Amino acid sequence: MNKQQARILGKSRWIFDTNLEPFLNVLSWMVKYKFEYWDWEVISNGVLHTGVEADKWYDYEFSGEITVKMRIARDVGSSVVWVDVDLPDKYQATYKIVTETFCNFLLEDAAKRSNPYE
């Protein structure tokens, strides 16, 4: 990573792009925000026009127990997105576990999965 990329990414973390919706759901649970289907529609459309290399991010916030400001950018040509979430210190340990999970495992929607026992 060069100095320009380090400046752009700052404290951002990458996660698999297919994990973005479940990641946002978990983040909303952490801060007691009710994540609605329309939140996902707005965010997923906003993220389409981003690019981490071009320093084009999509900004969004959750207002739950606290207000959480975040920015999200695609890593065009890869299967990841970068997330930069501004959280108070008391949430940092949980947030680290969440981001590590979402960048190390591909999650799938259990409702869409067939039952392996049928």
N, C-alpha and C. Protein backbone atom coordinates (compact mmCIF):
# COMPACT_ATOMS: atom_id res chain seq x y z
N MET A 1 0.85 -1.16 0.00
CA MET A 1 0.00 0.00 0.00
C MET A 1 0.90 1.24 0.00
N ASN A 2 0.63 2.14 -0.94
CA ASN A 2 1.42 3.36 -0.99
C ASN A 2 0.85 4.41 -0.03
N LYS A 3 1.53 5.55 0.10
CA LYS A 3 1.10 6.59 1.04
C LYS A 3 -0.27 7.15 0.69
N GLN A 4 -0.55 7.31 -0.60
CA GLN A 4 -1.85 7.83 -1.04
C GLN A 4 -2.95 6.87 -0.61
N GLN A 5 -2.77 5.57 -0.85
CA GLN A 5 -3.78 4.59 -0.44
C GLN A 5 -3.94 4.57 1.07
N ALA A 6 -2.85 4.68 1.81
CA ALA A 6 -2.93 4.69 3.27
C ALA A 6 -3.72 5.90 3.76
N ARG A 7 -3.53 7.04 3.12
CA ARG A 7 -4.28 8.24 3.50
C ARG A 7 -5.76 8.06 3.22
N ILE A 8 -6.09 7.50 2.06
CA ILE A 8 -7.48 7.30 1.67
C ILE A 8 -8.17 6.30 2.60
N LEU A 9 -7.49 5.19 2.89
CA LEU A 9 -8.11 4.12 3.65
C LEU A 9 -8.13 4.40 5.15
N GLY A 10 -7.14 5.08 5.66
CA GLY A 10 -7.12 5.42 7.08
C GLY A 10 -7.42 4.22 7.96
N LYS A 11 -8.49 4.32 8.75
CA LYS A 11 -8.86 3.23 9.66
C LYS A 11 -9.90 2.30 9.04
N SER A 12 -10.08 2.37 7.75
CA SER A 12 -11.06 1.53 7.06
C SER A 12 -10.67 0.06 7.10
N ARG A 13 -11.70 -0.78 7.00
CA ARG A 13 -11.51 -2.23 6.95
C ARG A 13 -12.22 -2.76 5.72
N TRP A 14 -11.69 -3.82 5.13
CA TRP A 14 -12.39 -4.42 4.00
C TRP A 14 -13.20 -5.61 4.48
N ILE A 15 -14.30 -5.85 3.78
CA ILE A 15 -15.11 -7.06 3.97
C ILE A 15 -15.53 -7.53 2.59
N PHE A 16 -15.93 -8.79 2.47
CA PHE A 16 -16.42 -9.28 1.19
C PHE A 16 -17.69 -8.52 0.82
N ASP A 17 -17.80 -8.16 -0.46
CA ASP A 17 -18.95 -7.35 -0.89
C ASP A 17 -20.28 -8.05 -0.64
N THR A 18 -20.32 -9.37 -0.76
CA THR A 18 -21.58 -10.09 -0.52
C THR A 18 -21.96 -10.10 0.96
N ASN A 19 -21.02 -9.72 1.82
CA ASN A 19 -21.29 -9.66 3.25
C ASN A 19 -21.74 -8.28 3.71
N LEU A 20 -21.85 -7.33 2.80
CA LEU A 20 -22.16 -5.96 3.23
C LEU A 20 -23.51 -5.87 3.92
N GLU A 21 -24.55 -6.45 3.35
CA GLU A 21 -25.87 -6.35 3.98
C GLU A 21 -25.89 -7.00 5.36
N PRO A 22 -25.39 -8.24 5.52
CA PRO A 22 -25.38 -8.80 6.88
C PRO A 22 -24.47 -8.02 7.83
N PHE A 23 -23.37 -7.48 7.33
CA PHE A 23 -22.51 -6.65 8.15
C PHE A 23 -23.28 -5.45 8.70
N LEU A 24 -24.03 -4.79 7.83
CA LEU A 24 -24.80 -3.63 8.25
C LEU A 24 -25.90 -4.02 9.24
N ASN A 25 -26.48 -5.19 9.06
CA ASN A 25 -27.46 -5.68 10.03
C ASN A 25 -26.82 -5.85 11.40
N VAL A 26 -25.67 -6.48 11.46
CA VAL A 26 -25.00 -6.69 12.75
C VAL A 26 -24.60 -5.35 13.36
N LEU A 27 -24.08 -4.44 12.55
CA LEU A 27 -23.74 -3.12 13.05
C LEU A 27 -24.97 -2.43 13.64
N SER A 28 -26.10 -2.56 12.98
CA SER A 28 -27.33 -1.94 13.49
C SER A 28 -27.75 -2.56 14.83
N TRP A 29 -27.56 -3.87 14.99
CA TRP A 29 -27.88 -4.51 16.27
C TRP A 29 -26.99 -3.94 17.37
N MET A 30 -25.71 -3.74 17.04
CA MET A 30 -24.75 -3.23 18.04
C MET A 30 -25.20 -1.90 18.62
N VAL A 31 -25.78 -1.05 17.78
CA VAL A 31 -26.13 0.31 18.22
C VAL A 31 -27.63 0.51 18.38
N LYS A 32 -28.37 -0.61 18.33
CA LYS A 32 -29.83 -0.58 18.53
C LYS A 32 -30.54 0.32 17.51
N TYR A 33 -30.17 0.12 16.26
CA TYR A 33 -30.80 0.83 15.15
C TYR A 33 -31.63 -0.19 14.38
N LYS A 34 -32.84 0.16 14.00
CA LYS A 34 -33.69 -0.77 13.25
C LYS A 34 -33.35 -0.64 11.76
N PHE A 35 -32.56 -1.59 11.26
CA PHE A 35 -32.13 -1.61 9.85
C PHE A 35 -33.28 -2.11 9.01
N GLU A 36 -33.78 -1.27 8.13
CA GLU A 36 -34.96 -1.57 7.32
C GLU A 36 -34.55 -1.94 5.89
N TYR A 37 -35.46 -2.56 5.16
CA TYR A 37 -35.18 -2.94 3.78
C TYR A 37 -34.81 -1.72 2.95
N TRP A 38 -35.45 -0.58 3.23
CA TRP A 38 -35.15 0.62 2.45
C TRP A 38 -33.76 1.16 2.75
N ASP A 39 -33.24 0.93 3.98
CA ASP A 39 -31.85 1.30 4.26
C ASP A 39 -30.94 0.57 3.28
N TRP A 40 -31.19 -0.74 3.14
CA TRP A 40 -30.34 -1.53 2.27
C TRP A 40 -30.47 -1.07 0.82
N GLU A 41 -31.67 -0.75 0.36
CA GLU A 41 -31.86 -0.28 -1.01
C GLU A 41 -31.07 1.01 -1.25
N VAL A 42 -31.15 1.94 -0.33
CA VAL A 42 -30.44 3.21 -0.45
C VAL A 42 -28.93 2.99 -0.46
N ILE A 43 -28.44 2.21 0.50
CA ILE A 43 -27.00 1.98 0.61
C ILE A 43 -26.47 1.22 -0.59
N SER A 44 -27.13 0.14 -0.98
CA SER A 44 -26.62 -0.66 -2.10
C SER A 44 -26.58 0.15 -3.39
N ASN A 45 -27.56 1.02 -3.59
CA ASN A 45 -27.54 1.88 -4.77
C ASN A 45 -26.45 2.94 -4.66
N GLY A 46 -26.27 3.51 -3.49
CA GLY A 46 -25.24 4.53 -3.30
C GLY A 46 -23.84 4.00 -3.48
N VAL A 47 -23.62 2.78 -3.05
CA VAL A 47 -22.29 2.17 -3.14
C VAL A 47 -21.90 1.86 -4.59
N LEU A 48 -22.88 1.69 -5.46
CA LEU A 48 -22.59 1.39 -6.87
C LEU A 48 -21.68 2.43 -7.52
N HIS A 49 -21.76 3.66 -7.08
CA HIS A 49 -21.04 4.76 -7.72
C HIS A 49 -19.80 5.17 -6.94
N THR A 50 -19.21 4.21 -6.24
CA THR A 50 -18.03 4.50 -5.43
C THR A 50 -16.82 3.78 -5.98
N GLY A 51 -15.69 4.15 -5.47
CA GLY A 51 -14.44 3.47 -5.82
C GLY A 51 -13.35 3.91 -4.87
N VAL A 52 -12.77 2.95 -4.17
CA VAL A 52 -11.76 3.28 -3.16
C VAL A 52 -10.53 3.92 -3.81
N GLU A 53 -10.14 3.43 -4.98
CA GLU A 53 -8.95 3.97 -5.66
C GLU A 53 -9.16 5.44 -6.04
N ALA A 54 -10.40 5.79 -6.41
CA ALA A 54 -10.72 7.17 -6.80
C ALA A 54 -11.11 8.02 -5.59
N ASP A 55 -11.08 7.43 -4.40
CA ASP A 55 -11.48 8.11 -3.16
C ASP A 55 -12.91 8.63 -3.25
N LYS A 56 -13.79 7.80 -3.82
CA LYS A 56 -15.22 8.12 -3.92
C LYS A 56 -15.97 7.18 -2.98
N TRP A 57 -16.51 7.71 -1.90
CA TRP A 57 -17.15 6.94 -0.86
C TRP A 57 -18.62 7.31 -0.78
N TYR A 58 -19.42 6.38 -0.23
CA TYR A 58 -20.83 6.66 0.05
C TYR A 58 -20.97 6.82 1.56
N ASP A 59 -21.56 7.91 1.99
CA ASP A 59 -21.76 8.20 3.42
C ASP A 59 -23.17 7.85 3.85
N TYR A 60 -23.28 7.28 5.05
CA TYR A 60 -24.58 6.93 5.61
C TYR A 60 -24.46 6.96 7.13
N GLU A 61 -25.57 7.07 7.80
CA GLU A 61 -25.50 6.99 9.26
C GLU A 61 -26.71 6.26 9.82
N PHE A 62 -26.46 5.60 10.94
CA PHE A 62 -27.51 4.96 11.74
C PHE A 62 -27.70 5.83 12.98
N SER A 63 -28.95 6.12 13.31
CA SER A 63 -29.23 6.85 14.55
C SER A 63 -30.03 5.93 15.45
N GLY A 64 -29.31 5.24 16.31
CA GLY A 64 -29.91 4.33 17.26
C GLY A 64 -29.58 4.80 18.66
N GLU A 65 -29.04 3.89 19.45
CA GLU A 65 -28.57 4.24 20.79
C GLU A 65 -27.55 5.39 20.71
N ILE A 66 -26.76 5.35 19.65
CA ILE A 66 -25.83 6.44 19.31
C ILE A 66 -25.96 6.68 17.82
N THR A 67 -25.42 7.76 17.35
CA THR A 67 -25.38 8.00 15.91
C THR A 67 -24.05 7.48 15.38
N VAL A 68 -24.14 6.60 14.39
CA VAL A 68 -22.97 5.99 13.80
C VAL A 68 -22.82 6.49 12.38
N LYS A 69 -21.73 7.18 12.12
CA LYS A 69 -21.43 7.64 10.77
C LYS A 69 -20.51 6.63 10.12
N MET A 70 -20.82 6.33 8.86
CA MET A 70 -20.00 5.37 8.13
C MET A 70 -19.81 5.84 6.70
N ARG A 71 -18.79 5.30 6.08
CA ARG A 71 -18.59 5.50 4.65
C ARG A 71 -18.18 4.16 4.06
N ILE A 72 -18.61 3.94 2.84
CA ILE A 72 -18.42 2.65 2.18
C ILE A 72 -17.95 2.91 0.76
N ALA A 73 -16.99 2.10 0.30
CA ALA A 73 -16.51 2.23 -1.08
C ALA A 73 -16.18 0.85 -1.65
N ARG A 74 -16.54 0.66 -2.91
CA ARG A 74 -16.19 -0.56 -3.61
C ARG A 74 -14.70 -0.56 -3.92
N ASP A 75 -14.13 -1.74 -3.97
CA ASP A 75 -12.78 -1.92 -4.49
C ASP A 75 -12.99 -2.51 -5.88
N VAL A 76 -13.15 -1.62 -6.85
CA VAL A 76 -13.53 -2.01 -8.21
C VAL A 76 -12.56 -3.05 -8.75
N GLY A 77 -13.14 -4.12 -9.31
CA GLY A 77 -12.33 -5.20 -9.87
C GLY A 77 -12.03 -6.31 -8.87
N SER A 78 -12.50 -6.14 -7.63
CA SER A 78 -12.30 -7.18 -6.63
C SER A 78 -13.66 -7.57 -6.06
N SER A 79 -13.64 -8.42 -5.07
CA SER A 79 -14.90 -8.86 -4.44
C SER A 79 -15.02 -8.32 -3.02
N VAL A 80 -14.44 -7.13 -2.79
CA VAL A 80 -14.52 -6.54 -1.46
C VAL A 80 -15.03 -5.11 -1.53
N VAL A 81 -15.52 -4.66 -0.37
CA VAL A 81 -15.84 -3.25 -0.16
C VAL A 81 -15.08 -2.81 1.08
N TRP A 82 -14.79 -1.53 1.13
CA TRP A 82 -14.13 -0.95 2.29
C TRP A 82 -15.17 -0.22 3.12
N VAL A 83 -15.11 -0.40 4.42
CA VAL A 83 -16.03 0.26 5.33
C VAL A 83 -15.22 1.05 6.35
N ASP A 84 -15.68 2.23 6.63
CA ASP A 84 -15.05 3.10 7.62
C ASP A 84 -16.17 3.55 8.54
N VAL A 85 -16.17 3.04 9.76
CA VAL A 85 -17.26 3.29 10.71
C VAL A 85 -16.70 4.03 11.92
N ASP A 86 -17.35 5.12 12.25
CA ASP A 86 -16.93 5.93 13.40
C ASP A 86 -17.71 5.49 14.63
N LEU A 87 -17.04 4.75 15.51
CA LEU A 87 -17.67 4.21 16.72
C LEU A 87 -16.90 4.65 17.97
N PRO A 88 -17.61 4.87 19.07
CA PRO A 88 -16.93 5.16 20.34
C PRO A 88 -16.09 3.95 20.80
N ASP A 89 -15.14 4.22 21.67
CA ASP A 89 -14.22 3.19 22.15
C ASP A 89 -14.93 1.96 22.72
N LYS A 90 -16.05 2.16 23.41
CA LYS A 90 -16.71 1.01 24.06
C LYS A 90 -17.21 -0.03 23.06
N TYR A 91 -17.32 0.32 21.78
CA TYR A 91 -17.78 -0.61 20.75
C TYR A 91 -16.63 -1.24 19.95
N GLN A 92 -15.42 -0.77 20.16
CA GLN A 92 -14.31 -1.16 19.30
C GLN A 92 -13.98 -2.66 19.36
N ALA A 93 -13.99 -3.27 20.52
CA ALA A 93 -13.66 -4.70 20.61
C ALA A 93 -14.68 -5.54 19.85
N THR A 94 -15.96 -5.22 20.02
CA THR A 94 -17.00 -5.95 19.29
C THR A 94 -16.89 -5.70 17.80
N TYR A 95 -16.63 -4.45 17.42
CA TYR A 95 -16.50 -4.10 16.01
C TYR A 95 -15.34 -4.86 15.36
N LYS A 96 -14.25 -5.02 16.08
CA LYS A 96 -13.11 -5.77 15.54
C LYS A 96 -13.50 -7.22 15.26
N ILE A 97 -14.23 -7.84 16.17
CA ILE A 97 -14.69 -9.22 15.96
C ILE A 97 -15.60 -9.28 14.73
N VAL A 98 -16.51 -8.32 14.63
CA VAL A 98 -17.45 -8.29 13.50
C VAL A 98 -16.70 -8.15 12.17
N THR A 99 -15.78 -7.20 12.08
CA THR A 99 -15.08 -7.01 10.81
C THR A 99 -14.18 -8.21 10.49
N GLU A 100 -13.56 -8.79 11.48
CA GLU A 100 -12.73 -9.98 11.23
C GLU A 100 -13.59 -11.13 10.69
N THR A 101 -14.78 -11.27 11.23
CA THR A 101 -15.69 -12.32 10.76
C THR A 101 -16.08 -12.07 9.31
N PHE A 102 -16.46 -10.85 8.99
CA PHE A 102 -16.97 -10.54 7.66
C PHE A 102 -15.88 -10.44 6.60
N CYS A 103 -14.61 -10.38 6.99
CA CYS A 103 -13.55 -10.41 5.99
C CYS A 103 -12.89 -11.79 5.90
N ASN A 104 -13.25 -12.69 6.77
CA ASN A 104 -12.66 -14.04 6.73
C ASN A 104 -13.64 -15.14 6.33
N PHE A 105 -14.93 -14.85 6.34
CA PHE A 105 -15.94 -15.85 6.01
C PHE A 105 -16.96 -15.27 5.04
N LEU A 106 -17.39 -16.07 4.10
CA LEU A 106 -18.48 -15.69 3.21
C LEU A 106 -19.77 -16.18 3.83
N LEU A 107 -20.68 -15.27 4.10
CA LEU A 107 -21.96 -15.64 4.71
C LEU A 107 -23.01 -15.83 3.63
N GLU A 108 -23.98 -16.66 3.94
CA GLU A 108 -25.10 -16.83 3.02
C GLU A 108 -26.40 -16.68 3.78
N ASP A 109 -27.42 -16.32 3.06
CA ASP A 109 -28.73 -16.11 3.66
C ASP A 109 -29.37 -17.47 3.94
N ALA A 110 -29.57 -17.78 5.19
CA ALA A 110 -30.12 -19.08 5.58
C ALA A 110 -31.51 -19.29 4.99
N ALA A 111 -32.27 -18.21 4.80
CA ALA A 111 -33.62 -18.34 4.24
C ALA A 111 -33.58 -18.79 2.78
N LYS A 112 -32.49 -18.53 2.10
CA LYS A 112 -32.37 -18.90 0.68
C LYS A 112 -31.67 -20.24 0.49
N ARG A 113 -31.11 -20.78 1.55
CA ARG A 113 -30.34 -22.03 1.48
C ARG A 113 -31.28 -23.22 1.53
N SER A 114 -30.98 -24.24 0.75
CA SER A 114 -31.79 -25.46 0.82
C SER A 114 -31.39 -26.25 2.06
N ASN A 115 -32.32 -27.03 2.55
CA ASN A 115 -32.09 -27.83 3.74
C ASN A 115 -31.22 -29.03 3.35
N PRO A 116 -30.02 -29.17 3.92
CA PRO A 116 -29.16 -30.30 3.55
C PRO A 116 -29.67 -31.64 4.06
N TYR A 117 -30.67 -31.61 4.93
CA TYR A 117 -31.18 -32.84 5.52
C TYR A 117 -32.42 -33.36 4.81
N GLU A 118 -32.83 -32.69 3.76
CA GLU A 118 -34.03 -33.17 3.01
C GLU A 118 -33.62 -34.19 1.98
